[in-house]
């Protein structure tokens, strides 16, 4: 499952508020496909979280997004606005 699809999964499969244990029992085995590395389960990620109860699908999704690893963030340090930082050849500001 892709990471953005998990919010809908939470809303369909869980009754809120929900305990961490119920999340792990109900959807914990769901595999999250990592674009840049090893796949993880929802349980792998939520086990890093210390929250015992989630009030809504949005709060659970927010916790999931907080605790996923670097393999889920895409290209690290990518900036489509001109690179990581100023280069030595960049001595003048350009506005578009």
PDB file of N, CA and C in Angstrom:
ATOM      1  N   UNK A   1       0.846  -1.179   0.000  1.00  0.00           N
ATOM      2  CA  UNK A   1       0.000   0.000   0.000  1.00  0.00           C
ATOM      3  C   UNK A   1       0.889   1.239   0.000  1.00  0.00           C
ATOM      4  N   UNK A   2       0.465   2.220  -0.763  1.00  0.00           N
ATOM      5  CA  UNK A   2       1.191   3.488  -0.760  1.00  0.00           C
ATOM      6  C   UNK A   2       0.816   4.286   0.487  1.00  0.00           C
ATOM      7  N   UNK A   3       1.771   5.036   0.971  1.00  0.00           N
ATOM      8  CA  UNK A   3       1.590   5.788   2.215  1.00  0.00           C
ATOM      9  C   UNK A   3       0.354   6.703   2.204  1.00  0.00           C
ATOM     10  N   UNK A   4       0.090   7.458   1.125  1.00  0.00           N
ATOM     11  CA  UNK A   4      -1.092   8.333   1.139  1.00  0.00           C
ATOM     12  C   UNK A   4      -2.432   7.590   1.234  1.00  0.00           C
ATOM     13  N   UNK A   5      -2.455   6.306   0.902  1.00  0.00           N
ATOM     14  CA  UNK A   5      -3.698   5.534   0.947  1.00  0.00           C
ATOM     15  C   UNK A   5      -4.071   5.090   2.362  1.00  0.00           C
ATOM     16  N   UNK A   6      -3.168   5.249   3.305  1.00  0.00           N
ATOM     17  CA  UNK A   6      -3.414   4.741   4.657  1.00  0.00           C
ATOM     18  C   UNK A   6      -4.499   5.507   5.408  1.00  0.00           C
ATOM     19  N   UNK A   7      -4.650   6.786   5.156  1.00  0.00           N
ATOM     20  CA  UNK A   7      -5.683   7.565   5.861  1.00  0.00           C
ATOM     21  C   UNK A   7      -7.069   6.988   5.578  1.00  0.00           C
ATOM     22  N   UNK A   8      -7.332   6.639   4.316  1.00  0.00           N
ATOM     23  CA  UNK A   8      -8.615   6.041   3.948  1.00  0.00           C
ATOM     24  C   UNK A   8      -8.770   4.665   4.599  1.00  0.00           C
ATOM     25  N   UNK A   9      -7.692   3.892   4.623  1.00  0.00           N
ATOM     26  CA  UNK A   9      -7.719   2.582   5.283  1.00  0.00           C
ATOM     27  C   UNK A   9      -8.095   2.729   6.753  1.00  0.00           C
ATOM     28  N   UNK A  10      -7.495   3.693   7.432  1.00  0.00           N
ATOM     29  CA  UNK A  10      -7.793   3.925   8.850  1.00  0.00           C
ATOM     30  C   UNK A  10      -9.267   4.271   9.046  1.00  0.00           C
ATOM     31  N   UNK A  11      -9.787   5.135   8.175  1.00  0.00           N
ATOM     32  CA  UNK A  11     -11.189   5.550   8.301  1.00  0.00           C
ATOM     33  C   UNK A  11     -12.147   4.386   8.051  1.00  0.00           C
ATOM     34  N   UNK A  12     -11.800   3.467   7.148  1.00  0.00           N
ATOM     35  CA  UNK A  12     -12.662   2.333   6.827  1.00  0.00           C
ATOM     36  C   UNK A  12     -12.598   1.211   7.859  1.00  0.00           C
ATOM     37  N   UNK A  13     -11.413   0.950   8.400  1.00  0.00           N
ATOM     38  CA  UNK A  13     -11.208  -0.245   9.227  1.00  0.00           C
ATOM     39  C   UNK A  13     -11.276  -0.012  10.734  1.00  0.00           C
ATOM     40  N   UNK A  14     -11.160   1.231  11.166  1.00  0.00           N
ATOM     41  CA  UNK A  14     -11.048   1.499  12.600  1.00  0.00           C
ATOM     42  C   UNK A  14     -12.177   2.391  13.103  1.00  0.00           C
ATOM     43  N   UNK A  15     -12.558   2.207  14.362  1.00  0.00           N
ATOM     44  CA  UNK A  15     -13.524   3.066  15.049  1.00  0.00           C
ATOM     45  C   UNK A  15     -12.733   3.993  15.969  1.00  0.00           C
ATOM     46  N   UNK A  16     -12.934   5.298  15.852  1.00  0.00           N
ATOM     47  CA  UNK A  16     -12.172   6.269  16.632  1.00  0.00           C
ATOM     48  C   UNK A  16     -13.006   6.813  17.764  1.00  0.00           C
ATOM     49  N   UNK A  17     -12.368   7.127  18.901  1.00  0.00           N
ATOM     50  CA  UNK A  17     -10.935   6.962  19.201  1.00  0.00           C
ATOM     51  C   UNK A  17     -10.567   5.477  19.247  1.00  0.00           C
ATOM     52  N   UNK A  18      -9.291   5.203  18.937  1.00  0.00           N
ATOM     53  CA  UNK A  18      -8.809   3.837  18.865  1.00  0.00           C
ATOM     54  C   UNK A  18      -7.486   3.715  19.618  1.00  0.00           C
ATOM     55  N   UNK A  19      -7.293   2.576  20.257  1.00  0.00           N
ATOM     56  CA  UNK A  19      -6.044   2.364  20.986  1.00  0.00           C
ATOM     57  C   UNK A  19      -4.941   1.915  20.024  1.00  0.00           C
ATOM     58  N   UNK A  20      -3.749   2.124  20.447  1.00  0.00           N
ATOM     59  CA  UNK A  20      -2.577   1.695  19.675  1.00  0.00           C
ATOM     60  C   UNK A  20      -2.609   0.185  19.445  1.00  0.00           C
ATOM     61  N   UNK A  21      -2.990  -0.582  20.468  1.00  0.00           N
ATOM     62  CA  UNK A  21      -3.060  -2.039  20.362  1.00  0.00           C
ATOM     63  C   UNK A  21      -4.067  -2.471  19.301  1.00  0.00           C
ATOM     64  N   UNK A  22      -5.206  -1.787  19.226  1.00  0.00           N
ATOM     65  CA  UNK A  22      -6.217  -2.110  18.215  1.00  0.00           C
ATOM     66  C   UNK A  22      -5.704  -1.798  16.816  1.00  0.00           C
ATOM     67  N   UNK A  23      -5.002  -0.688  16.675  1.00  0.00           N
ATOM     68  CA  UNK A  23      -4.410  -0.347  15.376  1.00  0.00           C
ATOM     69  C   UNK A  23      -3.456  -1.450  14.943  1.00  0.00           C
ATOM     70  N   UNK A  24      -2.596  -1.882  15.848  1.00  0.00           N
ATOM     71  CA  UNK A  24      -1.626  -2.927  15.526  1.00  0.00           C
ATOM     72  C   UNK A  24      -2.322  -4.241  15.173  1.00  0.00           C
ATOM     73  N   UNK A  25      -3.386  -4.595  15.907  1.00  0.00           N
ATOM     74  CA  UNK A  25      -4.112  -5.838  15.646  1.00  0.00           C
ATOM     75  C   UNK A  25      -4.895  -5.793  14.330  1.00  0.00           C
ATOM     76  N   UNK A  26      -5.475  -4.630  14.018  1.00  0.00           N
ATOM     77  CA  UNK A  26      -6.374  -4.518  12.871  1.00  0.00           C
ATOM     78  C   UNK A  26      -5.651  -4.265  11.549  1.00  0.00           C
ATOM     79  N   UNK A  27      -4.731  -3.307  11.538  1.00  0.00           N
ATOM     80  CA  UNK A  27      -4.066  -2.937  10.273  1.00  0.00           C
ATOM     81  C   UNK A  27      -2.542  -3.012  10.354  1.00  0.00           C
ATOM     82  N   UNK A  28      -2.026  -3.519  11.455  1.00  0.00           N
ATOM     83  CA  UNK A  28      -0.579  -3.542  11.676  1.00  0.00           C
ATOM     84  C   UNK A  28       0.214  -4.345  10.674  1.00  0.00           C
ATOM     85  N   UNK A  29      -0.406  -5.369  10.062  1.00  0.00           N
ATOM     86  CA  UNK A  29       0.307  -6.207   9.091  1.00  0.00           C
ATOM     87  C   UNK A  29       0.288  -5.640   7.673  1.00  0.00           C
ATOM     88  N   UNK A  30      -0.382  -4.523   7.455  1.00  0.00           N
ATOM     89  CA  UNK A  30      -0.458  -3.911   6.131  1.00  0.00           C
ATOM     90  C   UNK A  30       0.921  -3.407   5.720  1.00  0.00           C
ATOM     91  N   UNK A  31       1.377  -3.826   4.551  1.00  0.00           N
ATOM     92  CA  UNK A  31       2.715  -3.456   4.063  1.00  0.00           C
ATOM     93  C   UNK A  31       2.666  -2.098   3.376  1.00  0.00           C
ATOM     94  N   UNK A  32       3.584  -1.228   3.769  1.00  0.00           N
ATOM     95  CA  UNK A  32       3.749   0.082   3.143  1.00  0.00           C
ATOM     96  C   UNK A  32       4.902  -0.005   2.145  1.00  0.00           C
ATOM     97  N   UNK A  33       4.631   0.357   0.905  1.00  0.00           N
ATOM     98  CA  UNK A  33       5.654   0.278  -0.136  1.00  0.00           C
ATOM     99  C   UNK A  33       6.508   1.539  -0.113  1.00  0.00           C
ATOM    100  N   UNK A  34       7.778   1.355   0.182  1.00  0.00           N
ATOM    101  CA  UNK A  34       8.729   2.469   0.271  1.00  0.00           C
ATOM    102  C   UNK A  34       9.355   2.713  -1.098  1.00  0.00           C
ATOM    103  N   UNK A  35       9.240   3.919  -1.634  1.00  0.00           N
ATOM    104  CA  UNK A  35       9.826   4.203  -2.943  1.00  0.00           C
ATOM    105  C   UNK A  35      11.347   4.183  -2.943  1.00  0.00           C
ATOM    106  N   UNK A  36      11.959   4.384  -1.788  1.00  0.00           N
ATOM    107  CA  UNK A  36      13.418   4.501  -1.755  1.00  0.00           C
ATOM    108  C   UNK A  36      14.086   3.546  -0.803  1.00  0.00           C
ATOM    109  N   UNK A  37      13.564   2.334  -0.644  1.00  0.00           N
ATOM    110  CA  UNK A  37      14.208   1.420   0.286  1.00  0.00           C
ATOM    111  C   UNK A  37      13.332   0.241   0.634  1.00  0.00           C
ATOM    112  N   UNK A  38      13.555  -0.278   1.837  1.00  0.00           N
ATOM    113  CA  UNK A  38      12.868  -1.475   2.303  1.00  0.00           C
ATOM    114  C   UNK A  38      11.439  -1.163   2.747  1.00  0.00           C
ATOM    115  N   UNK A  39      10.494  -1.990   2.308  1.00  0.00           N
ATOM    116  CA  UNK A  39       9.108  -1.835   2.723  1.00  0.00           C
ATOM    117  C   UNK A  39       8.974  -2.093   4.224  1.00  0.00           C
ATOM    118  N   UNK A  40       7.991  -1.459   4.842  1.00  0.00           N
ATOM    119  CA  UNK A  40       7.692  -1.622   6.264  1.00  0.00           C
ATOM    120  C   UNK A  40       6.209  -1.909   6.415  1.00  0.00           C
ATOM    121  N   UNK A  41       5.821  -2.446   7.549  1.00  0.00           N
ATOM    122  CA  UNK A  41       4.396  -2.585   7.845  1.00  0.00           C
ATOM    123  C   UNK A  41       3.955  -1.378   8.674  1.00  0.00           C
ATOM    124  N   UNK A  42       2.651  -1.166   8.709  1.00  0.00           N
ATOM    125  CA  UNK A  42       2.116  -0.098   9.560  1.00  0.00           C
ATOM    126  C   UNK A  42       2.520  -0.365  11.007  1.00  0.00           C
ATOM    127  N   UNK A  43       2.511  -1.619  11.408  1.00  0.00           N
ATOM    128  CA  UNK A  43       2.914  -1.979  12.761  1.00  0.00           C
ATOM    129  C   UNK A  43       4.351  -1.606  13.067  1.00  0.00           C
ATOM    130  N   UNK A  44       5.266  -1.820  12.091  1.00  0.00           N
ATOM    131  CA  UNK A  44       6.671  -1.434  12.282  1.00  0.00           C
ATOM    132  C   UNK A  44       6.793   0.047  12.610  1.00  0.00           C
ATOM    133  N   UNK A  45       5.989   0.850  11.923  1.00  0.00           N
ATOM    134  CA  UNK A  45       6.071   2.304  12.089  1.00  0.00           C
ATOM    135  C   UNK A  45       5.388   2.747  13.378  1.00  0.00           C
ATOM    136  N   UNK A  46       4.182   2.257  13.624  1.00  0.00           N
ATOM    137  CA  UNK A  46       3.415   2.686  14.803  1.00  0.00           C
ATOM    138  C   UNK A  46       4.072   2.225  16.102  1.00  0.00           C
ATOM    139  N   UNK A  47       4.809   1.145  16.078  1.00  0.00           N
ATOM    140  CA  UNK A  47       5.504   0.695  17.284  1.00  0.00           C
ATOM    141  C   UNK A  47       6.531   1.716  17.768  1.00  0.00           C
ATOM    142  N   UNK A  48       7.011   2.583  16.895  1.00  0.00           N
ATOM    143  CA  UNK A  48       7.958   3.647  17.292  1.00  0.00           C
ATOM    144  C   UNK A  48       7.256   4.795  18.010  1.00  0.00           C
ATOM    145  N   UNK A  49       5.953   4.859  17.860  1.00  0.00           N
ATOM    146  CA  UNK A  49       5.154   5.951  18.426  1.00  0.00           C
ATOM    147  C   UNK A  49       4.772   5.617  19.862  1.00  0.00           C
ATOM    148  N   UNK A  50       4.827   6.582  20.742  1.00  0.00           N
ATOM    149  CA  UNK A  50       4.501   6.363  22.150  1.00  0.00           C
ATOM    150  C   UNK A  50       3.051   6.682  22.489  1.00  0.00           C
ATOM    151  N   UNK A  51       2.267   7.123  21.508  1.00  0.00           N
ATOM    152  CA  UNK A  51       0.861   7.460  21.743  1.00  0.00           C
ATOM    153  C   UNK A  51       0.057   6.193  22.004  1.00  0.00           C
ATOM    154  N   UNK A  52      -0.779   6.214  23.042  1.00  0.00           N
ATOM    155  CA  UNK A  52      -1.587   5.051  23.397  1.00  0.00           C
ATOM    156  C   UNK A  52      -2.974   5.070  22.756  1.00  0.00           C
ATOM    157  N   UNK A  53      -3.445   6.264  22.356  1.00  0.00           N
ATOM    158  CA  UNK A  53      -4.775   6.375  21.775  1.00  0.00           C
ATOM    159  C   UNK A  53      -4.780   7.454  20.696  1.00  0.00           C
ATOM    160  N   UNK A  54      -5.490   7.182  19.598  1.00  0.00           N
ATOM    161  CA  UNK A  54      -5.604   8.123  18.484  1.00  0.00           C
ATOM    162  C   UNK A  54      -7.052   8.569  18.373  1.00  0.00           C
ATOM    163  N   UNK A  55      -7.246   9.880  18.289  1.00  0.00           N
ATOM    164  CA  UNK A  55      -8.590  10.453  18.296  1.00  0.00           C
ATOM    165  C   UNK A  55      -9.309  10.353  16.954  1.00  0.00           C
ATOM    166  N   UNK A  56      -8.555  10.326  15.847  1.00  0.00           N
ATOM    167  CA  UNK A  56      -9.177  10.307  14.522  1.00  0.00           C
ATOM    168  C   UNK A  56      -8.223   9.676  13.514  1.00  0.00           C
ATOM    169  N   UNK A  57      -8.747   9.408  12.314  1.00  0.00           N
ATOM    170  CA  UNK A  57      -7.906   8.889  11.233  1.00  0.00           C
ATOM    171  C   UNK A  57      -6.803   9.888  10.902  1.00  0.00           C
ATOM    172  N   UNK A  58      -7.103  11.171  11.003  1.00  0.00           N
ATOM    173  CA  UNK A  58      -6.104  12.207  10.713  1.00  0.00           C
ATOM    174  C   UNK A  58      -4.962  12.194  11.722  1.00  0.00           C
ATOM    175  N   UNK A  59      -5.271  12.010  13.006  1.00  0.00           N
ATOM    176  CA  UNK A  59      -4.189  11.996  14.003  1.00  0.00           C
ATOM    177  C   UNK A  59      -3.341  10.731  13.875  1.00  0.00           C
ATOM    178  N   UNK A  60      -3.977   9.626  13.536  1.00  0.00           N
ATOM    179  CA  UNK A  60      -3.223   8.390  13.315  1.00  0.00           C
ATOM    180  C   UNK A  60      -2.332   8.527  12.082  1.00  0.00           C
ATOM    181  N   UNK A  61      -2.876   9.088  11.027  1.00  0.00           N
ATOM    182  CA  UNK A  61      -2.100   9.324   9.806  1.00  0.00           C
ATOM    183  C   UNK A  61      -0.927  10.269  10.082  1.00  0.00           C
ATOM    184  N   UNK A  62      -1.166  11.314  10.858  1.00  0.00           N
ATOM    185  CA  UNK A  62      -0.098  12.243  11.217  1.00  0.00           C
ATOM    186  C   UNK A  62       1.017  11.556  11.982  1.00  0.00           C
ATOM    187  N   UNK A  63       0.649  10.672  12.898  1.00  0.00           N
ATOM    188  CA  UNK A  63       1.662   9.916  13.636  1.00  0.00           C
ATOM    189  C   UNK A  63       2.432   8.991  12.702  1.00  0.00           C
ATOM    190  N   UNK A  64       1.739   8.353  11.786  1.00  0.00           N
ATOM    191  CA  UNK A  64       2.402   7.480  10.823  1.00  0.00           C
ATOM    192  C   UNK A  64       3.413   8.267   9.999  1.00  0.00           C
ATOM    193  N   UNK A  65       3.007   9.443   9.528  1.00  0.00           N
ATOM    194  CA  UNK A  65       3.900  10.278   8.721  1.00  0.00           C
ATOM    195  C   UNK A  65       5.111  10.745   9.527  1.00  0.00           C
ATOM    196  N   UNK A  66       4.932  10.959  10.810  1.00  0.00           N
ATOM    197  CA  UNK A  66       6.027  11.397  11.672  1.00  0.00           C
ATOM    198  C   UNK A  66       7.081  10.318  11.853  1.00  0.00           C
ATOM    199  N   UNK A  67       6.646   9.072  11.908  1.00  0.00           N
ATOM    200  CA  UNK A  67       7.566   7.996  12.270  1.00  0.00           C
ATOM    201  C   UNK A  67       8.043   7.118  11.115  1.00  0.00           C
ATOM    202  N   UNK A  68       7.622   7.394   9.882  1.00  0.00           N
ATOM    203  CA  UNK A  68       8.187   6.626   8.763  1.00  0.00           C
ATOM    204  C   UNK A  68       9.641   7.045   8.578  1.00  0.00           C
ATOM    205  N   UNK A  69      10.437   6.170   8.004  1.00  0.00           N
ATOM    206  CA  UNK A  69      11.857   6.449   7.820  1.00  0.00           C
ATOM    207  C   UNK A  69      12.165   7.192   6.534  1.00  0.00           C
ATOM    208  N   UNK A  70      13.441   7.416   6.320  1.00  0.00           N
ATOM    209  CA  UNK A  70      13.915   8.141   5.144  1.00  0.00           C
ATOM    210  C   UNK A  70      13.545   7.474   3.833  1.00  0.00           C
ATOM    211  N   UNK A  71      13.339   6.156   3.849  1.00  0.00           N
ATOM    212  CA  UNK A  71      13.006   5.448   2.624  1.00  0.00           C
ATOM    213  C   UNK A  71      11.651   5.864   2.043  1.00  0.00           C
ATOM    214  N   UNK A  72      10.857   6.622   2.805  1.00  0.00           N
ATOM    215  CA  UNK A  72       9.549   7.067   2.342  1.00  0.00           C
ATOM    216  C   UNK A  72       9.518   8.527   1.884  1.00  0.00           C
ATOM    217  N   UNK A  73      10.607   9.249   2.000  1.00  0.00           N
ATOM    218  CA  UNK A  73      10.555  10.681   1.692  1.00  0.00           C
ATOM    219  C   UNK A  73      10.993  11.039   0.280  1.00  0.00           C
ATOM    220  N   UNK A  74      11.388  10.073  -0.515  1.00  0.00           N
ATOM    221  CA  UNK A  74      11.800  10.387  -1.878  1.00  0.00           C
ATOM    222  C   UNK A  74      13.257  10.803  -1.926  1.00  0.00           C
ATOM    223  N   UNK A  75      13.586  11.630  -2.900  1.00  0.00           N
ATOM    224  CA  UNK A  75      14.980  12.043  -3.061  1.00  0.00           C
ATOM    225  C   UNK A  75      15.363  13.026  -1.965  1.00  0.00           C
ATOM    226  N   UNK A  76      16.337  12.643  -1.178  1.00  0.00           N
ATOM    227  CA  UNK A  76      16.796  13.488  -0.086  1.00  0.00           C
ATOM    228  C   UNK A  76      17.515  14.716  -0.618  1.00  0.00           C
ATOM    229  N   UNK A  77      17.260  15.854  -0.006  1.00  0.00           N
ATOM    230  CA  UNK A  77      17.886  17.131  -0.327  1.00  0.00           C
ATOM    231  C   UNK A  77      17.522  17.636  -1.718  1.00  0.00           C
ATOM    232  N   UNK A  78      16.495  17.060  -2.358  1.00  0.00           N
ATOM    233  CA  UNK A  78      16.082  17.521  -3.684  1.00  0.00           C
ATOM    234  C   UNK A  78      15.389  18.856  -3.557  1.00  0.00           C
ATOM    235  N   UNK A  79      15.735  19.758  -4.450  1.00  0.00           N
ATOM    236  CA  UNK A  79      15.119  21.075  -4.494  1.00  0.00           C
ATOM    237  C   UNK A  79      14.887  21.421  -5.953  1.00  0.00           C
ATOM    238  N   UNK A  80      13.636  21.524  -6.356  1.00  0.00           N
ATOM    239  CA  UNK A  80      13.343  21.836  -7.751  1.00  0.00           C
ATOM    240  C   UNK A  80      13.437  23.337  -8.035  1.00  0.00           C
ATOM    241  N   UNK A  81      13.953  24.084  -7.084  1.00  0.00           N
ATOM    242  CA  UNK A  81      14.077  25.534  -7.252  1.00  0.00           C
ATOM    243  C   UNK A  81      15.518  25.988  -7.402  1.00  0.00           C
ATOM    244  N   UNK A  82      16.415  25.072  -7.728  1.00  0.00           N
ATOM    245  CA  UNK A  82      17.752  25.544  -8.018  1.00  0.00           C
ATOM    246  C   UNK A  82      18.873  24.845  -7.299  1.00  0.00           C
ATOM    247  N   UNK A  83      18.627  23.738  -6.640  1.00  0.00           N
ATOM    248  CA  UNK A  83      19.715  23.007  -6.015  1.00  0.00           C
ATOM    249  C   UNK A  83      19.707  23.094  -4.513  1.00  0.00           C
ATOM    250  N   UNK A  84      20.736  22.537  -3.932  1.00  0.00           N
ATOM    251  CA  UNK A  84      20.857  22.454  -2.480  1.00  0.00           C
ATOM    252  C   UNK A  84      21.190  23.804  -1.861  1.00  0.00           C
ATOM    253  N   UNK A  85      22.052  24.520  -2.461  1.00  0.00           N
ATOM    254  CA  UNK A  85      22.456  25.814  -1.921  1.00  0.00           C
ATOM    255  C   UNK A  85      23.114  26.630  -3.011  1.00  0.00           C
ATOM    256  N   UNK A  86      23.546  27.820  -2.699  1.00  0.00           N
ATOM    257  CA  UNK A  86      24.179  28.658  -3.708  1.00  0.00           C
ATOM    258  C   UNK A  86      25.530  28.097  -4.144  1.00  0.00           C
ATOM    259  N   UNK A  87      25.788  28.179  -5.424  1.00  0.00           N
ATOM    260  CA  UNK A  87      27.085  27.739  -5.936  1.00  0.00           C
ATOM    261  C   UNK A  87      28.014  28.932  -6.050  1.00  0.00           C
ATOM    262  N   UNK A  88      29.261  28.663  -6.321  1.00  0.00           N
ATOM    263  CA  UNK A  88      30.233  29.744  -6.435  1.00  0.00           C
ATOM    264  C   UNK A  88      29.956  30.612  -7.649  1.00  0.00           C
ATOM    265  N   UNK A  89      29.329  30.058  -8.668  1.00  0.00           N
ATOM    266  CA  UNK A  89      29.011  30.824  -9.872  1.00  0.00           C
ATOM    267  C   UNK A  89      27.759  31.668  -9.711  1.00  0.00           C
ATOM    268  N   UNK A  90      27.034  31.479  -8.628  1.00  0.00           N
ATOM    269  CA  UNK A  90      25.781  32.188  -8.371  1.00  0.00           C
ATOM    270  C   UNK A  90      26.042  33.456  -7.573  1.00  0.00           C
ATOM    271  N   UNK A  91      26.478  34.514  -8.219  1.00  0.00           N
ATOM    272  CA  UNK A  91      26.759  35.725  -7.459  1.00  0.00           C
ATOM    273  C   UNK A  91      25.696  36.796  -7.650  1.00  0.00           C
ATOM    274  N   UNK A  92      24.668  36.482  -8.421  1.00  0.00           N
ATOM    275  CA  UNK A  92      23.585  37.462  -8.535  1.00  0.00           C
ATOM    276  C   UNK A  92      22.234  36.773  -8.334  1.00  0.00           C
ATOM    277  N   UNK A  93      21.332  37.516  -7.767  1.00  0.00           N
ATOM    278  CA  UNK A  93      20.005  37.003  -7.485  1.00  0.00           C
ATOM    279  C   UNK A  93      19.163  37.043  -8.744  1.00  0.00           C
ATOM    280  N   UNK A  94      18.367  36.008  -8.964  1.00  0.00           N
ATOM    281  CA  UNK A  94      17.496  35.949 -10.135  1.00  0.00           C
ATOM    282  C   UNK A  94      16.067  35.807  -9.663  1.00  0.00           C
ATOM    283  N   UNK A  95      15.182  36.675 -10.125  1.00  0.00           N
ATOM    284  CA  UNK A  95      13.748  36.611  -9.829  1.00  0.00           C
ATOM    285  C   UNK A  95      12.997  36.318 -11.101  1.00  0.00           C
ATOM    286  N   UNK A  96      11.998  35.486 -10.999  1.00  0.00           N
ATOM    287  CA  UNK A  96      11.182  35.163 -12.176  1.00  0.00           C
ATOM    288  C   UNK A  96       9.830  35.762 -12.063  1.00  0.00           C
TER     289      UNK A  96
END
